[in-house]
Amino acid sequence: MRVRTPLKTRAAQYPEQVRARSFWPLAVGYVALRILLTVLIAALVVLLARLAGLDMPVLVAAMLAVIVQLPLAWLILGGMRRRLTAQLAASAGERRQLRGELRAALSGERTSSADQAAGDRAAAPEQAASDEAASTERAAPEQAGSADPMPTEEPVVSTPNQATRP
């Protein structure tokens, strides 16, 4: 029984073949080889039917070729399929990383882990001091019992026909 490995692991299994964003030539080649295999099997079925003296419609031969090429392509093109899977996994990982960096940049977070680690070490004393100052400023009005700086009265709006209230 064959154990299926996750895509991330597959990309690590074939590092020499993995080049992100270059999976299209391999994908096109893989599809072309599967189509070629289907056409060759259909031609072989038609040729064998004619040699046997049977009249085989091309559409029936094509349907039979599609069915026969599925397991054959799995066996014959297995290495190419694994390389393509590894390249797709690498490309998806790169897209995921770029998307994460973009989201981090849009939300104002740091994107590089090295920059973040260096910035965290440098900003730690400053951050602690600014947090302490902010908490002191928030607590100061409450402790002093001072009045609210904003008046709670509604503003008086005067119109030309109405006298203003003091």
N, C-alpha and C. Protein backbone atom coordinates (compact mmCIF):
# COMPACT_ATOMS: atom_id res chain seq x y z
N MET A 1 0.84 -1.18 0.00
CA MET A 1 0.00 0.00 0.00
C MET A 1 0.88 1.24 0.00
N ARG A 2 0.61 2.15 -0.87
CA ARG A 2 1.41 3.35 -1.02
C ARG A 2 0.88 4.45 -0.12
N VAL A 3 1.77 5.09 0.61
CA VAL A 3 1.38 6.16 1.51
C VAL A 3 1.47 7.48 0.76
N ARG A 4 0.40 8.25 0.82
CA ARG A 4 0.39 9.55 0.13
C ARG A 4 1.09 10.57 1.00
N THR A 5 1.96 11.36 0.38
CA THR A 5 2.66 12.41 1.12
C THR A 5 2.03 13.74 0.80
N PRO A 6 2.03 14.66 1.75
CA PRO A 6 1.48 15.99 1.49
C PRO A 6 2.29 16.72 0.43
N LEU A 7 1.67 17.73 -0.17
CA LEU A 7 2.33 18.46 -1.24
C LEU A 7 3.60 19.16 -0.76
N LYS A 8 3.60 19.68 0.46
CA LYS A 8 4.79 20.36 0.97
C LYS A 8 5.95 19.39 1.04
N THR A 9 5.70 18.16 1.41
CA THR A 9 6.75 17.15 1.51
C THR A 9 7.22 16.75 0.12
N ARG A 10 6.30 16.67 -0.83
CA ARG A 10 6.69 16.31 -2.19
C ARG A 10 7.64 17.33 -2.79
N ALA A 11 7.41 18.61 -2.50
CA ALA A 11 8.30 19.64 -3.02
C ALA A 11 9.70 19.47 -2.43
N ALA A 12 9.79 19.04 -1.18
CA ALA A 12 11.09 18.84 -0.55
C ALA A 12 11.79 17.59 -1.10
N GLN A 13 11.04 16.62 -1.63
CA GLN A 13 11.64 15.39 -2.15
C GLN A 13 12.38 15.62 -3.46
N TYR A 14 11.98 16.61 -4.21
CA TYR A 14 12.58 16.84 -5.52
C TYR A 14 13.14 18.27 -5.61
N PRO A 15 14.11 18.64 -4.76
CA PRO A 15 14.57 20.03 -4.77
C PRO A 15 15.29 20.41 -6.06
N GLU A 16 15.95 19.46 -6.71
CA GLU A 16 16.70 19.81 -7.93
C GLU A 16 15.78 20.13 -9.10
N GLN A 17 14.56 19.60 -9.09
CA GLN A 17 13.64 19.88 -10.18
C GLN A 17 12.72 21.05 -9.88
N VAL A 18 12.67 21.48 -8.64
CA VAL A 18 11.69 22.48 -8.25
C VAL A 18 12.24 23.87 -8.52
N ARG A 19 11.55 24.57 -9.38
CA ARG A 19 11.82 25.99 -9.63
C ARG A 19 10.45 26.64 -9.66
N ALA A 20 10.17 27.46 -8.68
CA ALA A 20 8.85 28.08 -8.58
C ALA A 20 8.55 28.89 -9.83
N ARG A 21 7.29 28.92 -10.21
CA ARG A 21 6.78 29.66 -11.35
C ARG A 21 7.23 29.09 -12.70
N SER A 22 7.87 27.94 -12.73
CA SER A 22 8.27 27.36 -14.01
C SER A 22 7.55 26.04 -14.27
N PHE A 23 6.37 25.89 -13.68
CA PHE A 23 5.67 24.62 -13.85
C PHE A 23 4.91 24.56 -15.16
N TRP A 24 4.66 25.70 -15.81
CA TRP A 24 3.85 25.68 -17.04
C TRP A 24 4.45 24.85 -18.16
N PRO A 25 5.74 24.95 -18.47
CA PRO A 25 6.27 24.08 -19.54
C PRO A 25 6.11 22.60 -19.23
N LEU A 26 6.32 22.23 -17.98
CA LEU A 26 6.17 20.83 -17.59
C LEU A 26 4.71 20.40 -17.65
N ALA A 27 3.81 21.29 -17.24
CA ALA A 27 2.37 20.97 -17.27
C ALA A 27 1.89 20.80 -18.70
N VAL A 28 2.32 21.68 -19.58
CA VAL A 28 1.93 21.58 -20.99
C VAL A 28 2.51 20.31 -21.61
N GLY A 29 3.75 19.99 -21.28
CA GLY A 29 4.37 18.76 -21.79
C GLY A 29 3.66 17.52 -21.29
N TYR A 30 3.27 17.52 -20.01
CA TYR A 30 2.56 16.38 -19.44
C TYR A 30 1.21 16.17 -20.12
N VAL A 31 0.47 17.24 -20.31
CA VAL A 31 -0.83 17.14 -20.98
C VAL A 31 -0.64 16.70 -22.43
N ALA A 32 0.37 17.24 -23.10
CA ALA A 32 0.62 16.86 -24.50
C ALA A 32 0.97 15.37 -24.60
N LEU A 33 1.77 14.88 -23.66
CA LEU A 33 2.12 13.45 -23.69
C LEU A 33 0.90 12.57 -23.42
N ARG A 34 0.01 13.00 -22.55
CA ARG A 34 -1.20 12.22 -22.29
C ARG A 34 -2.11 12.20 -23.52
N ILE A 35 -2.22 13.33 -24.20
CA ILE A 35 -3.02 13.38 -25.43
C ILE A 35 -2.38 12.51 -26.51
N LEU A 36 -1.06 12.59 -26.64
CA LEU A 36 -0.35 11.77 -27.62
C LEU A 36 -0.54 10.28 -27.31
N LEU A 37 -0.47 9.92 -26.05
CA LEU A 37 -0.70 8.53 -25.65
C LEU A 37 -2.11 8.09 -26.02
N THR A 38 -3.09 8.95 -25.83
CA THR A 38 -4.47 8.63 -26.19
C THR A 38 -4.61 8.43 -27.69
N VAL A 39 -4.01 9.31 -28.47
CA VAL A 39 -4.09 9.21 -29.93
C VAL A 39 -3.39 7.92 -30.41
N LEU A 40 -2.23 7.61 -29.82
CA LEU A 40 -1.52 6.39 -30.23
C LEU A 40 -2.33 5.14 -29.89
N ILE A 41 -2.95 5.12 -28.72
CA ILE A 41 -3.77 3.96 -28.35
C ILE A 41 -4.98 3.84 -29.26
N ALA A 42 -5.61 4.97 -29.60
CA ALA A 42 -6.77 4.95 -30.51
C ALA A 42 -6.35 4.43 -31.88
N ALA A 43 -5.21 4.89 -32.38
CA ALA A 43 -4.72 4.41 -33.68
C ALA A 43 -4.40 2.92 -33.62
N LEU A 44 -3.84 2.46 -32.51
CA LEU A 44 -3.53 1.05 -32.36
C LEU A 44 -4.81 0.20 -32.32
N VAL A 45 -5.84 0.71 -31.64
CA VAL A 45 -7.12 -0.02 -31.57
C VAL A 45 -7.75 -0.11 -32.95
N VAL A 46 -7.75 1.00 -33.71
CA VAL A 46 -8.31 0.99 -35.06
C VAL A 46 -7.51 0.04 -35.96
N LEU A 47 -6.18 0.07 -35.86
CA LEU A 47 -5.33 -0.78 -36.68
C LEU A 47 -5.56 -2.26 -36.35
N LEU A 48 -5.64 -2.57 -35.06
CA LEU A 48 -5.89 -3.97 -34.68
C LEU A 48 -7.28 -4.43 -35.12
N ALA A 49 -8.26 -3.54 -35.06
CA ALA A 49 -9.61 -3.90 -35.52
C ALA A 49 -9.62 -4.16 -37.01
N ARG A 50 -8.90 -3.35 -37.77
CA ARG A 50 -8.85 -3.57 -39.23
C ARG A 50 -8.12 -4.85 -39.58
N LEU A 51 -7.04 -5.14 -38.82
CA LEU A 51 -6.31 -6.39 -39.07
C LEU A 51 -7.18 -7.61 -38.76
N ALA A 52 -8.09 -7.44 -37.79
CA ALA A 52 -8.99 -8.54 -37.43
C ALA A 52 -10.21 -8.59 -38.35
N GLY A 53 -10.32 -7.63 -39.26
CA GLY A 53 -11.42 -7.61 -40.20
C GLY A 53 -12.67 -6.95 -39.64
N LEU A 54 -12.55 -6.18 -38.58
CA LEU A 54 -13.69 -5.49 -37.98
C LEU A 54 -13.68 -4.03 -38.38
N ASP A 55 -14.87 -3.46 -38.47
CA ASP A 55 -14.97 -2.03 -38.78
C ASP A 55 -15.22 -1.29 -37.46
N MET A 56 -14.20 -0.66 -36.92
CA MET A 56 -14.28 0.03 -35.63
C MET A 56 -14.44 1.52 -35.88
N PRO A 57 -15.55 2.13 -35.41
CA PRO A 57 -15.70 3.59 -35.54
C PRO A 57 -14.61 4.31 -34.72
N VAL A 58 -14.19 5.42 -35.24
CA VAL A 58 -13.11 6.19 -34.60
C VAL A 58 -13.53 6.69 -33.21
N LEU A 59 -14.81 7.06 -33.06
CA LEU A 59 -15.28 7.54 -31.77
C LEU A 59 -15.23 6.45 -30.70
N VAL A 60 -15.56 5.24 -31.07
CA VAL A 60 -15.49 4.12 -30.14
C VAL A 60 -14.03 3.83 -29.79
N ALA A 61 -13.16 3.89 -30.77
CA ALA A 61 -11.73 3.67 -30.53
C ALA A 61 -11.17 4.77 -29.62
N ALA A 62 -11.63 6.02 -29.80
CA ALA A 62 -11.16 7.13 -28.96
C ALA A 62 -11.62 6.94 -27.51
N MET A 63 -12.87 6.52 -27.32
CA MET A 63 -13.36 6.29 -25.95
C MET A 63 -12.60 5.16 -25.28
N LEU A 64 -12.33 4.11 -26.02
CA LEU A 64 -11.55 3.01 -25.48
C LEU A 64 -10.12 3.46 -25.15
N ALA A 65 -9.57 4.30 -26.01
CA ALA A 65 -8.21 4.80 -25.79
C ALA A 65 -8.13 5.67 -24.53
N VAL A 66 -9.16 6.47 -24.28
CA VAL A 66 -9.18 7.31 -23.07
C VAL A 66 -9.17 6.42 -21.84
N ILE A 67 -9.97 5.38 -21.87
CA ILE A 67 -10.05 4.47 -20.71
C ILE A 67 -8.73 3.73 -20.51
N VAL A 68 -8.11 3.28 -21.59
CA VAL A 68 -6.87 2.51 -21.49
C VAL A 68 -5.69 3.40 -21.10
N GLN A 69 -5.68 4.65 -21.56
CA GLN A 69 -4.53 5.52 -21.28
C GLN A 69 -4.46 5.96 -19.83
N LEU A 70 -5.57 5.94 -19.09
CA LEU A 70 -5.54 6.38 -17.69
C LEU A 70 -4.53 5.58 -16.85
N PRO A 71 -4.63 4.25 -16.79
CA PRO A 71 -3.62 3.53 -16.00
C PRO A 71 -2.24 3.53 -16.66
N LEU A 72 -2.21 3.53 -17.99
CA LEU A 72 -0.91 3.56 -18.66
C LEU A 72 -0.16 4.86 -18.39
N ALA A 73 -0.84 5.97 -18.44
CA ALA A 73 -0.20 7.26 -18.16
C ALA A 73 0.26 7.32 -16.71
N TRP A 74 -0.51 6.71 -15.81
CA TRP A 74 -0.11 6.69 -14.41
C TRP A 74 1.20 5.92 -14.24
N LEU A 75 1.36 4.84 -15.00
CA LEU A 75 2.59 4.04 -14.93
C LEU A 75 3.74 4.67 -15.71
N ILE A 76 3.47 5.07 -16.94
CA ILE A 76 4.53 5.54 -17.83
C ILE A 76 5.00 6.95 -17.46
N LEU A 77 4.09 7.83 -17.12
CA LEU A 77 4.43 9.24 -16.87
C LEU A 77 4.49 9.57 -15.37
N GLY A 78 4.74 8.58 -14.53
CA GLY A 78 4.76 8.79 -13.08
C GLY A 78 5.81 9.78 -12.63
N GLY A 79 7.02 9.67 -13.15
CA GLY A 79 8.10 10.59 -12.75
C GLY A 79 7.79 12.03 -13.13
N MET A 80 7.28 12.19 -14.34
CA MET A 80 6.92 13.54 -14.79
C MET A 80 5.79 14.11 -13.95
N ARG A 81 4.82 13.28 -13.59
CA ARG A 81 3.70 13.73 -12.76
C ARG A 81 4.20 14.15 -11.37
N ARG A 82 5.15 13.40 -10.80
CA ARG A 82 5.69 13.76 -9.49
C ARG A 82 6.47 15.07 -9.54
N ARG A 83 7.25 15.28 -10.61
CA ARG A 83 7.97 16.55 -10.75
C ARG A 83 7.00 17.71 -10.89
N LEU A 84 5.94 17.51 -11.66
CA LEU A 84 4.93 18.55 -11.84
C LEU A 84 4.24 18.85 -10.50
N THR A 85 3.93 17.82 -9.75
CA THR A 85 3.30 18.01 -8.45
C THR A 85 4.22 18.79 -7.51
N ALA A 86 5.51 18.47 -7.54
CA ALA A 86 6.47 19.18 -6.69
C ALA A 86 6.57 20.64 -7.10
N GLN A 87 6.58 20.91 -8.39
CA GLN A 87 6.66 22.30 -8.85
C GLN A 87 5.38 23.06 -8.53
N LEU A 88 4.24 22.41 -8.65
CA LEU A 88 2.99 23.07 -8.28
C LEU A 88 2.96 23.37 -6.78
N ALA A 89 3.46 22.46 -5.97
CA ALA A 89 3.51 22.68 -4.52
C ALA A 89 4.45 23.84 -4.18
N ALA A 90 5.59 23.90 -4.85
CA ALA A 90 6.53 25.00 -4.60
C ALA A 90 5.93 26.33 -5.02
N SER A 91 5.25 26.35 -6.16
CA SER A 91 4.62 27.58 -6.63
C SER A 91 3.50 28.01 -5.69
N ALA A 92 2.71 27.05 -5.22
CA ALA A 92 1.63 27.37 -4.28
C ALA A 92 2.20 27.89 -2.97
N GLY A 93 3.30 27.30 -2.51
CA GLY A 93 3.94 27.78 -1.28
C GLY A 93 4.48 29.19 -1.43
N GLU A 94 5.06 29.47 -2.59
CA GLU A 94 5.56 30.82 -2.84
C GLU A 94 4.41 31.83 -2.90
N ARG A 95 3.32 31.46 -3.56
CA ARG A 95 2.15 32.35 -3.61
C ARG A 95 1.58 32.58 -2.22
N ARG A 96 1.53 31.52 -1.42
CA ARG A 96 1.02 31.64 -0.05
C ARG A 96 1.90 32.58 0.77
N GLN A 97 3.23 32.45 0.60
CA GLN A 97 4.16 33.31 1.33
C GLN A 97 4.02 34.76 0.88
N LEU A 98 3.93 34.99 -0.43
CA LEU A 98 3.77 36.36 -0.93
C LEU A 98 2.45 36.96 -0.48
N ARG A 99 1.40 36.16 -0.46
CA ARG A 99 0.10 36.65 0.01
C ARG A 99 0.17 37.04 1.49
N GLY A 100 0.87 36.22 2.28
CA GLY A 100 1.04 36.53 3.70
C GLY A 100 1.83 37.80 3.91
N GLU A 101 2.90 37.98 3.11
CA GLU A 101 3.69 39.20 3.22
C GLU A 101 2.87 40.42 2.81
N LEU A 102 2.05 40.28 1.77
CA LEU A 102 1.21 41.39 1.34
C LEU A 102 0.19 41.74 2.41
N ARG A 103 -0.43 40.74 3.00
CA ARG A 103 -1.40 41.01 4.07
C ARG A 103 -0.72 41.67 5.26
N ALA A 104 0.48 41.21 5.58
CA ALA A 104 1.22 41.81 6.70
C ALA A 104 1.57 43.26 6.40
N ALA A 105 1.97 43.52 5.16
CA ALA A 105 2.32 44.89 4.79
C ALA A 105 1.10 45.79 4.80
N LEU A 106 -0.04 45.27 4.36
CA LEU A 106 -1.26 46.08 4.35
C LEU A 106 -1.78 46.34 5.76
N SER A 107 -1.53 45.41 6.68
CA SER A 107 -2.00 45.62 8.04
C SER A 107 -0.98 46.37 8.89
N GLY A 108 0.18 46.69 8.32
CA GLY A 108 1.18 47.47 9.03
C GLY A 108 2.17 46.64 9.82
N GLU A 109 2.12 45.34 9.69
CA GLU A 109 3.06 44.48 10.40
C GLU A 109 4.36 44.39 9.61
N ARG A 110 5.40 43.94 10.31
CA ARG A 110 6.67 43.71 9.62
C ARG A 110 6.56 42.43 8.81
N THR A 111 7.27 42.38 7.67
CA THR A 111 7.16 41.20 6.81
C THR A 111 8.32 40.25 6.98
N SER A 112 9.50 40.73 7.27
CA SER A 112 10.66 39.86 7.36
C SER A 112 10.85 39.40 8.79
N SER A 113 11.07 38.12 8.99
CA SER A 113 11.25 37.61 10.34
C SER A 113 12.56 38.12 10.94
N ALA A 114 13.60 38.31 10.12
CA ALA A 114 14.86 38.85 10.64
C ALA A 114 14.67 40.30 11.07
N ASP A 115 13.96 41.09 10.25
CA ASP A 115 13.68 42.48 10.62
C ASP A 115 12.83 42.52 11.88
N GLN A 116 11.88 41.63 11.97
CA GLN A 116 10.99 41.61 13.12
C GLN A 116 11.76 41.26 14.38
N ALA A 117 12.64 40.27 14.31
CA ALA A 117 13.41 39.88 15.49
C ALA A 117 14.33 41.01 15.93
N ALA A 118 15.00 41.65 14.96
CA ALA A 118 15.89 42.76 15.29
C ALA A 118 15.11 43.94 15.83
N GLY A 119 13.97 44.23 15.24
CA GLY A 119 13.15 45.34 15.70
C GLY A 119 12.56 45.08 17.06
N ASP A 120 12.19 43.84 17.34
CA ASP A 120 11.64 43.50 18.65
C ASP A 120 12.68 43.68 19.74
N ARG A 121 13.93 43.28 19.45
CA ARG A 121 14.99 43.44 20.46
C ARG A 121 15.28 44.91 20.70
N ALA A 122 15.29 45.72 19.63
CA ALA A 122 15.61 47.14 19.79
C ALA A 122 14.45 47.91 20.40
N ALA A 123 13.24 47.53 20.08
CA ALA A 123 12.08 48.28 20.52
C ALA A 123 11.56 47.83 21.88
N ALA A 124 12.08 46.77 22.43
CA ALA A 124 11.57 46.26 23.69
C ALA A 124 11.67 47.28 24.83
N PRO A 125 12.85 47.90 25.07
CA PRO A 125 12.90 48.88 26.15
C PRO A 125 12.05 50.11 25.86
N GLU A 126 12.07 50.57 24.62
CA GLU A 126 11.27 51.75 24.25
C GLU A 126 9.78 51.45 24.38
N GLN A 127 9.37 50.27 23.97
CA GLN A 127 7.96 49.89 24.04
C GLN A 127 7.49 49.82 25.49
N ALA A 128 8.33 49.25 26.34
CA ALA A 128 7.95 49.15 27.76
C ALA A 128 7.79 50.54 28.36
N ALA A 129 8.71 51.45 28.01
CA ALA A 129 8.63 52.82 28.55
C ALA A 129 7.40 53.54 28.02
N SER A 130 7.09 53.39 26.75
CA SER A 130 5.94 54.09 26.19
C SER A 130 4.63 53.50 26.72
N ASP A 131 4.59 52.17 26.95
CA ASP A 131 3.40 51.56 27.54
C ASP A 131 3.17 52.06 28.96
N GLU A 132 4.25 52.19 29.71
CA GLU A 132 4.15 52.68 31.08
C GLU A 132 3.68 54.13 31.11
N ALA A 133 4.21 54.94 30.20
CA ALA A 133 3.80 56.35 30.14
C ALA A 133 2.34 56.47 29.73
N ALA A 134 1.89 55.67 28.81
CA ALA A 134 0.50 55.72 28.37
C ALA A 134 -0.44 55.29 29.48
N SER A 135 -0.06 54.27 30.23
CA SER A 135 -0.93 53.85 31.33
C SER A 135 -0.97 54.89 32.43
N THR A 136 0.15 55.61 32.66
CA THR A 136 0.19 56.67 33.66
C THR A 136 -0.70 57.83 33.24
N GLU A 137 -0.65 58.17 31.94
CA GLU A 137 -1.48 59.28 31.44
C GLU A 137 -2.96 58.94 31.55
N ARG A 138 -3.32 57.69 31.29
CA ARG A 138 -4.72 57.29 31.40
C ARG A 138 -5.18 57.29 32.85
N ALA A 139 -4.30 56.93 33.76
CA ALA A 139 -4.67 56.85 35.16
C ALA A 139 -4.66 58.21 35.84
N ALA A 140 -3.92 59.19 35.33
CA ALA A 140 -3.76 60.49 35.98
C ALA A 140 -5.08 61.24 36.14
N PRO A 141 -5.94 61.39 35.15
CA PRO A 141 -7.18 62.12 35.36
C PRO A 141 -8.10 61.42 36.36
N GLU A 142 -8.08 60.11 36.37
CA GLU A 142 -8.94 59.39 37.29
C GLU A 142 -8.48 59.58 38.72
N GLN A 143 -7.16 59.61 38.94
CA GLN A 143 -6.63 59.75 40.28
C GLN A 143 -6.80 61.17 40.80
N ALA A 144 -6.66 62.14 39.96
CA ALA A 144 -6.74 63.53 40.40
C ALA A 144 -8.18 63.94 40.67
N GLY A 145 -9.14 63.23 40.15
CA GLY A 145 -10.54 63.58 40.35
C GLY A 145 -10.92 64.84 39.61
N SER A 146 -10.24 65.14 38.56
CA SER A 146 -10.51 66.37 37.82
C SER A 146 -11.80 66.23 37.04
N ALA A 147 -12.32 67.36 36.69
CA ALA A 147 -13.57 67.37 35.93
C ALA A 147 -13.30 66.95 34.50
N ASP A 148 -14.34 66.53 33.85
CA ASP A 148 -14.24 66.12 32.45
C ASP A 148 -13.91 67.34 31.62
N PRO A 149 -12.87 67.27 30.78
CA PRO A 149 -12.50 68.45 30.00
C PRO A 149 -13.57 68.83 28.97
N MET A 150 -14.42 67.92 28.59
CA MET A 150 -15.45 68.21 27.60
C MET A 150 -16.75 68.55 28.32
N PRO A 151 -17.38 69.68 28.02
CA PRO A 151 -18.64 70.02 28.68
C PRO A 151 -19.74 69.07 28.20
N THR A 152 -20.68 68.81 29.08
CA THR A 152 -21.77 67.90 28.75
C THR A 152 -23.01 68.64 28.29
N GLU A 153 -22.98 69.96 28.31
CA GLU A 153 -24.14 70.74 27.86
C GLU A 153 -24.27 70.65 26.36
N GLU A 154 -25.51 70.79 25.91
CA GLU A 154 -25.74 70.82 24.47
C GLU A 154 -25.42 72.21 23.98
N PRO A 155 -24.85 72.35 22.83
CA PRO A 155 -24.56 73.68 22.30
C PRO A 155 -25.86 74.40 21.93
N VAL A 156 -25.85 75.69 22.11
CA VAL A 156 -27.02 76.50 21.81
C VAL A 156 -26.87 77.01 20.39
N VAL A 157 -27.90 76.75 19.61
CA VAL A 157 -27.89 77.21 18.23
C VAL A 157 -28.86 78.37 18.13
N SER A 158 -28.37 79.46 17.63
CA SER A 158 -29.24 80.63 17.53
C SER A 158 -29.71 80.81 16.10
N THR A 159 -30.91 81.27 16.00
CA THR A 159 -31.48 81.58 14.69
C THR A 159 -31.76 83.08 14.68
N PRO A 160 -31.95 83.68 13.56
CA PRO A 160 -32.15 85.13 13.52
C PRO A 160 -33.37 85.59 14.32
N ASN A 161 -34.38 84.79 14.42
CA ASN A 161 -35.61 85.19 15.14
C ASN A 161 -35.60 84.80 16.60
N GLN A 162 -34.57 84.17 17.07
CA GLN A 162 -34.55 83.67 18.42
C GLN A 162 -33.35 84.25 19.16
N ALA A 163 -33.54 84.65 20.38
CA ALA A 163 -32.44 85.19 21.18
C ALA A 163 -31.59 84.05 21.68
N THR A 164 -30.34 84.31 21.89
CA THR A 164 -29.42 83.27 22.38
C THR A 164 -29.52 83.19 23.88
N ARG A 165 -29.39 82.02 24.41
CA ARG A 165 -29.37 81.82 25.84
C ARG A 165 -27.94 81.93 26.35
N PRO A 166 -27.78 82.46 27.56
CA PRO A 166 -26.43 82.57 28.10
C PRO A 166 -25.87 81.27 28.55
